[in-house]
N, C-alpha and C. Protein backbone atom coordinates (compact mmCIF):
# COMPACT_ATOMS: atom_id res chain seq x y z
N MET A 1 9.71 98.42 57.04
CA MET A 1 10.02 99.57 56.43
C MET A 1 9.05 99.78 55.28
N SER A 2 8.70 101.18 54.98
CA SER A 2 8.38 101.52 53.71
C SER A 2 8.30 102.95 52.91
N ASP A 3 9.07 102.73 51.59
CA ASP A 3 9.30 103.55 51.06
C ASP A 3 9.31 103.52 49.58
N ARG A 4 9.32 104.68 48.82
CA ARG A 4 8.36 104.75 47.24
C ARG A 4 9.46 104.97 46.24
N PHE A 5 9.65 104.25 45.44
CA PHE A 5 10.39 104.86 44.02
C PHE A 5 10.13 104.58 43.05
N ALA A 6 10.07 105.92 42.04
CA ALA A 6 10.08 105.58 40.57
C ALA A 6 10.94 105.14 39.74
N VAL A 7 10.36 103.73 39.45
CA VAL A 7 11.25 102.69 38.55
C VAL A 7 11.08 102.50 36.82
N ARG A 8 11.57 102.27 36.13
CA ARG A 8 11.14 101.89 35.04
C ARG A 8 12.05 100.35 34.82
N ILE A 9 11.12 99.32 34.26
CA ILE A 9 11.28 98.08 34.15
C ILE A 9 11.20 97.59 32.91
N THR A 10 12.64 97.44 32.06
CA THR A 10 12.30 97.13 30.62
C THR A 10 13.07 95.57 30.11
N GLY A 11 12.89 95.08 29.20
CA GLY A 11 13.65 93.93 28.70
C GLY A 11 13.55 92.64 29.14
N MET A 12 12.01 92.40 29.52
CA MET A 12 11.94 91.39 30.20
C MET A 12 11.70 89.96 29.03
N ASP A 13 12.79 89.13 29.22
CA ASP A 13 12.92 87.88 28.58
C ASP A 13 13.19 86.73 29.36
N SER A 14 12.74 85.21 28.97
CA SER A 14 12.72 84.44 29.79
C SER A 14 14.00 83.97 30.31
N THR A 15 15.30 84.03 29.61
CA THR A 15 16.03 84.01 29.99
C THR A 15 17.38 84.78 30.57
N ARG A 16 17.29 85.93 30.91
CA ARG A 16 18.37 87.12 31.91
C ARG A 16 17.17 87.92 32.51
N PRO A 17 17.24 88.87 33.54
CA PRO A 17 16.67 89.65 34.44
C PRO A 17 16.05 90.81 33.03
N PRO A 18 15.10 91.38 33.88
CA PRO A 18 15.42 92.43 32.77
C PRO A 18 15.95 93.53 33.41
N SER A 19 15.93 95.23 33.03
CA SER A 19 16.72 96.10 33.55
C SER A 19 15.77 96.76 34.69
N LEU A 20 16.77 97.44 35.42
CA LEU A 20 15.99 98.03 36.65
C LEU A 20 16.50 99.84 36.69
N LEU A 21 15.90 100.74 36.39
CA LEU A 21 15.83 101.56 36.28
C LEU A 21 15.70 103.05 37.11
N GLU A 22 16.23 103.06 38.33
CA GLU A 22 15.59 104.08 38.96
C GLU A 22 15.56 105.39 38.33
N ILE A 23 14.57 105.83 38.35
CA ILE A 23 14.35 107.40 36.90
C ILE A 23 13.61 108.64 38.32
N GLY A 24 13.47 108.22 39.66
CA GLY A 24 13.17 109.72 40.03
C GLY A 24 14.65 110.32 41.21
N GLY A 25 15.51 110.06 40.55
CA GLY A 25 16.51 110.83 41.21
C GLY A 25 16.94 110.60 42.82
N ARG A 26 16.56 109.81 43.16
CA ARG A 26 16.86 109.01 44.51
C ARG A 26 18.15 108.55 44.44
N THR A 27 18.78 107.95 43.52
CA THR A 27 19.70 107.14 43.35
C THR A 27 21.40 108.65 43.30
N GLU A 28 20.92 109.23 42.60
CA GLU A 28 21.70 110.43 42.57
C GLU A 28 21.89 111.32 43.43
N SER A 29 20.85 111.48 44.37
CA SER A 29 20.50 112.15 45.76
C SER A 29 21.19 111.51 46.76
N ILE A 30 21.47 110.38 46.99
CA ILE A 30 22.00 109.41 48.07
C ILE A 30 23.38 109.43 47.89
N ALA A 31 23.94 109.58 46.52
CA ALA A 31 25.00 109.47 46.33
C ALA A 31 25.73 110.64 46.82
N LYS A 32 24.96 112.20 45.82
CA LYS A 32 25.49 113.27 46.66
C LYS A 32 25.75 113.46 48.43
N LYS A 33 24.86 112.63 48.95
CA LYS A 33 24.59 113.40 50.36
C LYS A 33 25.88 112.37 51.02
N PHE A 34 26.21 111.52 50.03
CA PHE A 34 27.56 110.64 50.91
C PHE A 34 28.71 110.92 50.52
N ARG A 35 28.67 111.83 49.48
CA ARG A 35 29.90 112.77 48.35
C ARG A 35 30.49 111.24 47.81
N ILE A 36 29.65 110.20 47.19
CA ILE A 36 30.33 109.34 46.35
C ILE A 36 29.37 109.01 44.93
N THR A 37 30.00 108.11 44.47
CA THR A 37 29.10 108.37 42.90
C THR A 37 28.09 107.65 42.74
N PRO A 38 27.00 107.55 41.77
CA PRO A 38 26.01 106.61 41.46
C PRO A 38 26.25 105.38 41.33
N ARG A 39 27.91 105.13 40.60
CA ARG A 39 28.11 103.73 40.20
C ARG A 39 28.49 103.09 41.89
N ASP A 40 29.09 103.58 42.59
CA ASP A 40 29.24 103.14 43.71
C ASP A 40 27.72 102.84 44.57
N LEU A 41 26.56 103.02 43.79
CA LEU A 41 25.59 102.51 44.80
C LEU A 41 25.06 101.66 43.43
N HIS A 42 25.99 101.04 42.52
CA HIS A 42 25.53 99.90 41.95
C HIS A 42 24.60 100.67 40.97
N LYS A 43 24.87 101.88 39.83
CA LYS A 43 24.14 101.96 38.91
C LYS A 43 25.02 101.62 37.81
N ASN A 44 24.76 101.33 36.76
CA ASN A 44 25.39 101.02 35.78
C ASN A 44 25.52 102.18 34.83
N HIS A 45 26.60 101.90 33.69
CA HIS A 45 27.25 103.64 33.03
C HIS A 45 25.42 103.75 32.30
N ASP A 46 24.97 102.68 31.94
CA ASP A 46 23.80 103.11 31.23
C ASP A 46 22.49 103.56 32.10
N GLY A 47 22.95 103.78 33.62
CA GLY A 47 21.58 103.69 34.21
C GLY A 47 20.85 103.03 34.97
N THR A 48 21.06 102.07 34.39
CA THR A 48 20.23 100.95 35.09
C THR A 48 20.91 100.26 36.52
N ALA A 49 20.31 99.66 37.44
CA ALA A 49 20.58 99.50 38.30
C ALA A 49 21.37 97.66 38.21
N CYS A 50 22.79 97.52 38.98
CA CYS A 50 23.31 96.53 38.99
C CYS A 50 22.66 95.83 40.24
N VAL A 51 21.75 94.78 39.79
CA VAL A 51 20.59 94.33 40.97
C VAL A 51 21.97 92.77 41.78
N CYS A 52 22.68 92.85 40.97
CA CYS A 52 23.34 91.37 41.95
C CYS A 52 24.80 91.01 40.82
N VAL A 53 25.86 90.80 41.13
CA VAL A 53 26.73 90.07 40.65
C VAL A 53 26.31 88.96 39.70
N LYS A 54 26.68 88.77 38.41
CA LYS A 54 26.04 87.71 37.29
C LYS A 54 25.81 86.66 37.55
N GLN A 55 26.96 85.65 38.70
CA GLN A 55 26.72 84.43 38.95
C GLN A 55 25.63 84.21 40.04
N VAL A 56 25.05 85.06 40.86
CA VAL A 56 23.99 85.23 42.18
C VAL A 56 22.61 85.10 40.70
N GLU A 57 22.36 86.10 39.95
CA GLU A 57 21.20 86.42 38.92
C GLU A 57 21.07 85.12 38.55
N LYS A 58 22.04 84.35 38.27
CA LYS A 58 21.42 82.53 37.79
C LYS A 58 20.71 82.10 39.11
N LEU A 59 21.05 82.04 40.27
CA LEU A 59 20.79 81.63 40.94
C LEU A 59 19.04 82.08 41.72
N LYS A 60 18.95 83.89 41.59
CA LYS A 60 17.99 84.30 42.28
C LYS A 60 17.10 84.54 40.52
N PHE A 61 17.13 84.45 39.38
CA PHE A 61 16.35 84.50 37.85
C PHE A 61 16.75 83.01 36.82
N PRO A 62 16.13 82.42 38.06
CA PRO A 62 16.48 80.76 37.00
C PRO A 62 15.47 80.89 35.79
N PRO A 63 16.00 80.40 34.20
CA PRO A 63 15.10 80.25 33.66
C PRO A 63 13.95 79.72 33.42
N GLY A 64 13.07 81.21 32.87
CA GLY A 64 11.64 80.96 33.03
C GLY A 64 10.67 81.55 34.20
N SER A 65 11.71 82.72 34.72
CA SER A 65 11.08 83.29 35.82
C SER A 65 10.39 84.40 35.37
N SER A 66 9.33 84.61 36.30
CA SER A 66 7.94 86.07 36.01
C SER A 66 8.59 86.82 36.62
N LEU A 67 8.44 88.17 35.73
CA LEU A 67 8.01 89.56 36.34
C LEU A 67 8.52 89.75 37.53
N LEU A 68 7.31 88.67 38.24
CA LEU A 68 6.72 89.34 39.71
C LEU A 68 8.13 88.23 40.51
N HIS A 69 8.88 87.49 40.15
CA HIS A 69 9.93 86.84 40.97
C HIS A 69 10.59 87.87 40.50
N PHE A 70 11.28 88.58 39.46
CA PHE A 70 12.28 89.81 39.38
C PHE A 70 12.08 90.41 40.38
N ILE A 71 10.98 90.97 40.85
CA ILE A 71 10.39 92.30 41.56
C ILE A 71 10.71 91.90 42.97
N GLU A 72 10.80 90.58 43.13
CA GLU A 72 10.92 89.94 44.45
C GLU A 72 11.81 89.85 45.28
N GLU A 73 12.96 88.78 44.08
CA GLU A 73 14.03 88.49 44.24
C GLU A 73 15.16 89.42 44.14
N LEU A 74 14.92 90.44 43.39
CA LEU A 74 16.29 91.35 42.90
C LEU A 74 16.09 92.91 43.15
N ALA A 75 14.61 93.26 42.48
CA ALA A 75 14.34 94.75 42.30
C ALA A 75 13.75 94.98 43.90
N VAL A 76 13.06 94.72 44.62
CA VAL A 76 12.43 95.30 46.05
C VAL A 76 13.95 95.12 46.87
N PRO A 77 14.89 93.87 47.28
CA PRO A 77 16.07 94.24 47.93
C PRO A 77 16.88 95.10 47.62
N TYR A 78 17.02 95.16 46.10
CA TYR A 78 18.10 96.55 45.86
C TYR A 78 17.55 97.53 46.11
N LEU A 79 16.45 97.88 46.16
CA LEU A 79 16.16 99.12 46.63
C LEU A 79 15.82 99.37 48.24
N TYR A 80 15.52 98.05 48.55
CA TYR A 80 16.02 98.23 49.73
C TYR A 80 17.41 98.16 50.74
N ALA A 81 17.95 97.96 49.68
CA ALA A 81 19.59 98.67 50.47
C ALA A 81 20.03 99.50 49.70
N LEU A 82 19.48 100.27 49.03
CA LEU A 82 19.74 101.71 48.39
C LEU A 82 18.40 102.91 49.95
N VAL A 83 17.77 102.14 50.48
CA VAL A 83 16.97 102.94 51.40
C VAL A 83 18.48 102.84 53.06
N ARG A 84 18.33 101.85 52.84
CA ARG A 84 19.85 101.43 53.98
C ARG A 84 20.63 102.08 54.28
N TYR A 85 21.02 102.40 53.05
CA TYR A 85 22.36 102.85 52.53
C TYR A 85 22.09 104.79 52.51
N GLU A 86 20.79 104.55 52.08
CA GLU A 86 20.31 106.72 52.41
C GLU A 86 20.53 106.56 53.76
N GLN A 87 20.49 105.68 54.73
CA GLN A 87 19.70 105.88 56.06
C GLN A 87 21.24 105.59 57.01
N GLU A 88 21.70 104.63 56.80
CA GLU A 88 23.06 104.59 57.40
C GLU A 88 24.47 104.64 56.43
N GLY A 89 24.49 104.97 55.11
CA GLY A 89 25.98 105.40 54.47
C GLY A 89 26.72 103.86 54.48
N LYS A 90 25.76 102.70 54.44
CA LYS A 90 26.39 101.45 54.11
C LYS A 90 25.20 100.76 53.42
N TRP A 91 25.76 98.93 52.55
CA TRP A 91 24.88 98.41 52.06
C TRP A 91 24.82 97.60 53.83
N PRO A 92 23.12 96.85 53.29
CA PRO A 92 23.29 96.32 54.60
C PRO A 92 23.29 94.81 54.35
N TRP A 93 24.22 94.25 53.56
CA TRP A 93 24.91 93.15 53.07
C TRP A 93 26.22 93.01 52.88
N GLN A 94 26.51 92.07 52.34
CA GLN A 94 27.94 91.63 51.74
C GLN A 94 27.70 92.65 50.15
N ASP A 95 29.04 93.37 49.81
CA ASP A 95 28.75 94.10 48.37
C ASP A 95 30.24 93.76 47.38
N TYR A 96 29.56 93.26 46.50
CA TYR A 96 30.65 93.17 45.56
C TYR A 96 31.24 94.31 44.75
N SER A 97 32.61 94.56 44.09
CA SER A 97 32.73 95.48 43.00
C SER A 97 32.12 94.91 42.26
N HIS A 98 32.12 96.37 41.03
CA HIS A 98 31.38 96.13 39.74
C HIS A 98 32.33 95.24 38.40
N GLY A 99 31.73 94.62 37.91
CA GLY A 99 31.87 94.35 36.78
C GLY A 99 33.19 93.02 37.11
N PHE A 100 33.78 92.60 36.51
CA PHE A 100 34.89 91.25 36.46
C PHE A 100 35.49 91.40 37.86
N LEU A 101 35.90 92.24 38.63
CA LEU A 101 36.24 92.36 40.24
C LEU A 101 35.21 91.81 40.95
N GLY A 102 33.84 91.93 40.86
CA GLY A 102 32.78 91.85 41.59
C GLY A 102 32.75 90.31 41.29
N LEU A 103 32.74 89.48 40.54
CA LEU A 103 33.07 87.99 39.89
C LEU A 103 33.87 87.62 40.35
N LEU A 104 35.33 88.07 40.38
CA LEU A 104 36.26 87.59 40.99
C LEU A 104 36.16 87.08 42.70
N GLU A 105 35.60 88.57 43.24
CA GLU A 105 34.94 88.82 44.47
C GLU A 105 34.08 87.50 44.89
N PHE A 106 33.14 87.34 44.06
CA PHE A 106 32.40 86.09 44.28
C PHE A 106 32.50 84.65 44.43
N TYR A 107 33.82 84.54 43.70
CA TYR A 107 34.39 83.40 43.95
C TYR A 107 35.26 83.14 44.70
N ALA A 108 35.85 84.39 45.59
CA ALA A 108 36.47 84.12 46.72
C ALA A 108 36.42 83.21 48.00
N ASP A 109 34.56 83.28 48.10
CA ASP A 109 33.99 82.17 49.29
C ASP A 109 34.10 81.19 48.72
N ARG A 110 34.09 80.80 47.47
CA ARG A 110 33.70 79.22 47.21
C ARG A 110 34.26 78.17 47.27
N SER A 111 33.94 77.28 47.94
CA SER A 111 35.04 76.16 48.42
C SER A 111 35.37 75.56 47.21
N PRO A 112 36.67 75.15 46.85
CA PRO A 112 37.12 74.16 46.02
C PRO A 112 35.82 72.96 45.67
N GLY A 113 35.66 72.31 44.22
CA GLY A 113 34.94 71.55 43.70
C GLY A 113 33.72 72.00 43.52
N THR A 114 33.11 73.49 43.92
CA THR A 114 32.12 74.21 43.37
C THR A 114 32.18 73.75 41.74
N ALA A 115 31.03 73.69 41.68
CA ALA A 115 30.06 73.49 40.06
C ALA A 115 31.18 74.14 39.34
N MET A 116 31.59 74.14 38.35
CA MET A 116 31.93 75.48 37.38
C MET A 116 31.69 75.07 36.05
N ASP A 117 30.33 75.05 35.73
CA ASP A 117 29.61 74.74 34.75
C ASP A 117 29.83 76.16 33.88
N ASP A 118 29.81 77.34 34.34
CA ASP A 118 29.60 78.18 33.31
C ASP A 118 31.44 78.87 33.62
N PHE A 119 32.45 78.13 33.63
CA PHE A 119 33.82 78.53 33.79
C PHE A 119 34.06 79.49 32.47
N ALA A 120 33.57 78.70 30.74
CA ALA A 120 33.40 79.14 29.76
C ALA A 120 32.85 80.72 29.58
N GLU A 121 31.68 80.78 30.63
CA GLU A 121 31.01 81.87 30.12
C GLU A 121 31.74 83.16 31.19
N ILE A 122 32.60 82.74 32.42
CA ILE A 122 33.41 84.17 33.55
C ILE A 122 34.45 84.12 32.67
N VAL A 123 34.75 83.15 31.54
CA VAL A 123 35.89 83.56 30.64
C VAL A 123 35.48 84.52 29.82
N ALA A 124 34.43 84.21 29.24
CA ALA A 124 33.85 85.02 27.91
C ALA A 124 33.68 86.59 28.33
N ILE A 125 32.98 86.93 29.79
CA ILE A 125 33.10 87.74 30.29
C ILE A 125 34.55 89.05 30.76
N PHE A 126 35.52 88.06 30.80
CA PHE A 126 36.87 88.60 31.37
C PHE A 126 37.36 89.12 30.18
N ARG A 127 37.48 88.03 29.37
CA ARG A 127 37.78 88.31 27.35
C ARG A 127 37.38 89.74 27.36
N LYS A 128 36.05 90.33 27.70
CA LYS A 128 35.73 91.82 27.40
C LYS A 128 36.21 92.91 27.96
N GLU A 129 36.88 92.54 28.72
CA GLU A 129 37.69 93.66 29.90
C GLU A 129 39.17 94.31 29.74
N LEU A 130 39.79 95.48 30.25
CA LEU A 130 40.57 96.36 29.49
C LEU A 130 41.71 95.40 30.23
N GLY A 131 41.37 94.98 31.37
CA GLY A 131 42.56 94.24 32.15
C GLY A 131 42.90 92.77 32.15
N TRP A 132 42.12 92.14 30.58
CA TRP A 132 41.99 90.86 30.69
C TRP A 132 43.11 90.06 30.46
N THR A 133 44.52 90.81 29.84
CA THR A 133 45.65 90.64 30.22
C THR A 133 46.32 89.66 30.99
N LEU A 134 45.85 90.73 32.22
CA LEU A 134 46.16 90.56 33.31
C LEU A 134 45.61 89.67 34.43
N ILE A 135 44.35 89.36 33.84
CA ILE A 135 43.68 88.55 34.53
C ILE A 135 43.81 87.00 34.05
N ARG A 136 44.36 87.16 32.72
CA ARG A 136 44.92 85.67 32.41
C ARG A 136 46.07 85.32 32.80
N LYS A 137 47.18 86.45 32.75
CA LYS A 137 48.13 86.21 33.83
C LYS A 137 47.79 85.45 34.91
N GLN A 138 47.04 85.83 35.99
CA GLN A 138 47.23 85.87 37.17
C GLN A 138 46.63 84.23 37.05
N LEU A 139 45.35 83.97 36.15
CA LEU A 139 44.84 82.57 36.33
C LEU A 139 46.24 81.61 35.46
N ARG A 140 46.90 81.90 35.04
CA ARG A 140 47.60 80.83 34.12
C ARG A 140 48.98 80.82 35.38
N LYS A 141 49.48 81.58 35.93
CA LYS A 141 50.50 80.83 36.55
C LYS A 141 49.99 81.15 38.13
N ARG A 142 50.90 81.06 39.09
CA ARG A 142 50.83 80.81 40.21
C ARG A 142 50.03 82.03 40.78
N PRO A 143 48.69 82.57 41.83
CA PRO A 143 48.70 83.89 41.56
C PRO A 143 49.24 84.27 42.98
N SER A 144 49.58 85.66 42.59
CA SER A 144 50.37 86.42 43.85
C SER A 144 49.68 87.50 44.64
N ALA A 145 49.89 87.39 45.43
CA ALA A 145 48.80 89.02 46.06
C ALA A 145 49.80 90.24 46.28
N LYS A 146 51.14 90.01 45.76
CA LYS A 146 51.76 91.15 45.65
C LYS A 146 52.18 91.42 44.08
N ARG A 147 51.45 90.88 43.21
CA ARG A 147 51.19 91.32 41.62
C ARG A 147 50.20 92.86 41.95
N ALA A 148 50.07 93.87 40.90
CA ALA A 148 49.48 94.44 41.06
C ALA A 148 48.14 94.25 40.57
N CYS A 149 47.22 94.78 41.53
CA CYS A 149 45.82 94.69 41.74
C CYS A 149 45.24 95.10 39.94
N LEU A 150 44.19 94.22 39.85
CA LEU A 150 43.56 94.45 38.83
C LEU A 150 42.66 95.71 38.80
N CYS A 151 42.27 96.27 39.14
CA CYS A 151 41.37 97.57 39.19
C CYS A 151 42.46 98.79 38.99
N GLY A 152 43.61 98.10 38.80
CA GLY A 152 44.39 99.39 38.20
C GLY A 152 45.00 100.31 39.07
N SER A 153 44.89 100.76 40.29
CA SER A 153 45.77 101.41 41.31
C SER A 153 47.08 101.23 41.94
N GLY A 154 47.67 99.87 40.97
CA GLY A 154 49.30 99.87 41.38
C GLY A 154 49.66 99.54 42.64
N LYS A 155 48.76 99.21 43.57
CA LYS A 155 48.86 98.51 44.71
C LYS A 155 48.74 97.05 44.53
N PRO A 156 49.69 96.35 45.30
CA PRO A 156 49.84 94.95 45.23
C PRO A 156 47.87 94.67 45.68
N THR A 157 47.85 93.20 44.58
CA THR A 157 46.04 92.57 45.03
C THR A 157 45.96 92.47 46.69
N GLY A 158 46.41 92.01 47.03
CA GLY A 158 46.65 91.25 48.56
C GLY A 158 45.90 92.68 49.19
N ARG A 159 46.88 94.22 49.38
CA ARG A 159 46.09 94.62 50.08
C ARG A 159 44.95 95.51 49.68
N CYS A 160 45.08 95.80 48.33
CA CYS A 160 44.11 96.55 47.72
C CYS A 160 42.38 95.74 47.56
N HIS A 161 42.45 94.76 46.76
CA HIS A 161 41.35 93.86 46.99
C HIS A 161 41.83 92.23 47.44
N SER A 162 41.76 92.49 48.41
CA SER A 162 42.25 90.80 48.89
C SER A 162 41.17 89.95 48.44
N GLN A 163 39.69 90.42 48.21
CA GLN A 163 38.61 89.71 47.87
C GLN A 163 39.11 89.23 46.58
N VAL A 164 39.53 90.05 46.00
CA VAL A 164 39.88 89.55 44.07
C VAL A 164 40.76 88.64 44.32
N HIS A 165 42.21 88.59 45.06
CA HIS A 165 42.51 87.76 45.09
C HIS A 165 42.92 86.46 45.23
N LYS A 166 41.78 86.19 46.67
CA LYS A 166 41.06 84.85 46.67
C LYS A 166 40.40 84.76 45.79
N GLY A 167 39.29 85.11 45.05
CA GLY A 167 38.86 84.30 43.88
C GLY A 167 39.73 84.29 42.57
N ILE A 168 40.68 84.73 42.61
CA ILE A 168 41.77 84.45 41.46
C ILE A 168 42.59 83.14 41.74
N LYS A 169 42.78 82.90 43.07
CA LYS A 169 43.26 81.88 44.08
C LYS A 169 42.32 80.45 43.67
N PHE A 170 40.67 80.79 43.97
CA PHE A 170 39.65 79.67 43.81
C PHE A 170 39.98 79.18 42.32
N LEU A 171 39.95 80.57 41.37
CA LEU A 171 39.34 79.61 39.68
C LEU A 171 40.83 79.11 39.11
N HIS A 172 41.90 79.74 39.98
CA HIS A 172 43.27 78.93 39.11
C HIS A 172 43.12 77.50 40.01
N GLY A 173 42.71 77.68 41.01
CA GLY A 173 42.83 75.60 41.45
C GLY A 173 41.93 75.30 40.87
N GLU A 174 41.08 75.71 40.71
CA GLU A 174 39.71 75.06 39.64
C GLU A 174 39.95 74.90 38.45
N ILE A 175 40.85 75.54 37.81
CA ILE A 175 41.34 75.40 36.06
C ILE A 175 42.19 74.05 36.42
N GLU A 176 43.31 74.19 37.27
CA GLU A 176 44.25 73.03 37.85
C GLU A 176 43.52 71.81 37.73
N ARG A 177 42.76 72.07 38.74
CA ARG A 177 41.87 70.73 38.94
C ARG A 177 40.99 70.21 38.33
N GLN A 178 40.13 70.93 37.60
CA GLN A 178 39.43 70.31 36.02
C GLN A 178 40.06 70.32 34.75
N ASN A 179 41.36 70.73 34.66
CA ASN A 179 42.35 70.82 33.96
C ASN A 179 41.15 71.91 32.48
N LEU A 180 41.33 73.00 32.93
CA LEU A 180 40.20 74.09 31.84
C LEU A 180 41.49 74.83 31.28
N HIS A 181 42.59 74.49 31.45
CA HIS A 181 43.83 75.40 30.66
C HIS A 181 43.38 76.01 29.45
N HIS A 182 42.74 74.95 28.44
CA HIS A 182 42.39 75.88 27.28
C HIS A 182 41.20 76.79 26.79
N LEU A 183 40.48 76.93 28.06
CA LEU A 183 39.76 77.95 27.70
C LEU A 183 40.52 79.69 28.57
N ILE A 184 42.14 79.61 28.80
CA ILE A 184 42.52 80.80 29.22
C ILE A 184 43.80 81.05 28.60
N ALA A 185 43.75 79.58 27.25
CA ALA A 185 45.06 79.98 26.45
C ALA A 185 45.15 80.99 25.48
């Protein structure tokens, strides 16, 4: 496959990936074609691309990584996914939701005992969300698929975002197993 995009990459530093901005209007064109929003194509509110969920970012762009590493591991796969979406109307691999919902979905596939060195960082991200009180409630009590979904739809989490519910269950289990209650107090 061969294709071209007009992009701007900014903010390179050794601790986090730079920002990728598709500046040729292609994302908006694809969104219009499929009657979705650019946000559905992982375009953040500031126009940058959400190239992966935060926890995957650490795996794909470890501290000290180069710009070339960012391009090969995050930018090219993201742009490839846009092309495939343009052709087929879907992402070529698992697609996480945006923001904290995507983080919860990421943890849905983890097995108990997975290293949770970053739990304090995850909680810090959750605390910035408008739905922090609902997230906290789900993490403190036994998670229930019948509670209202964190996305705000009003539907039960198990029917609306079942992977989010699985992620909450995983994190709740890790809080219990590692006695991390103080982080969500």
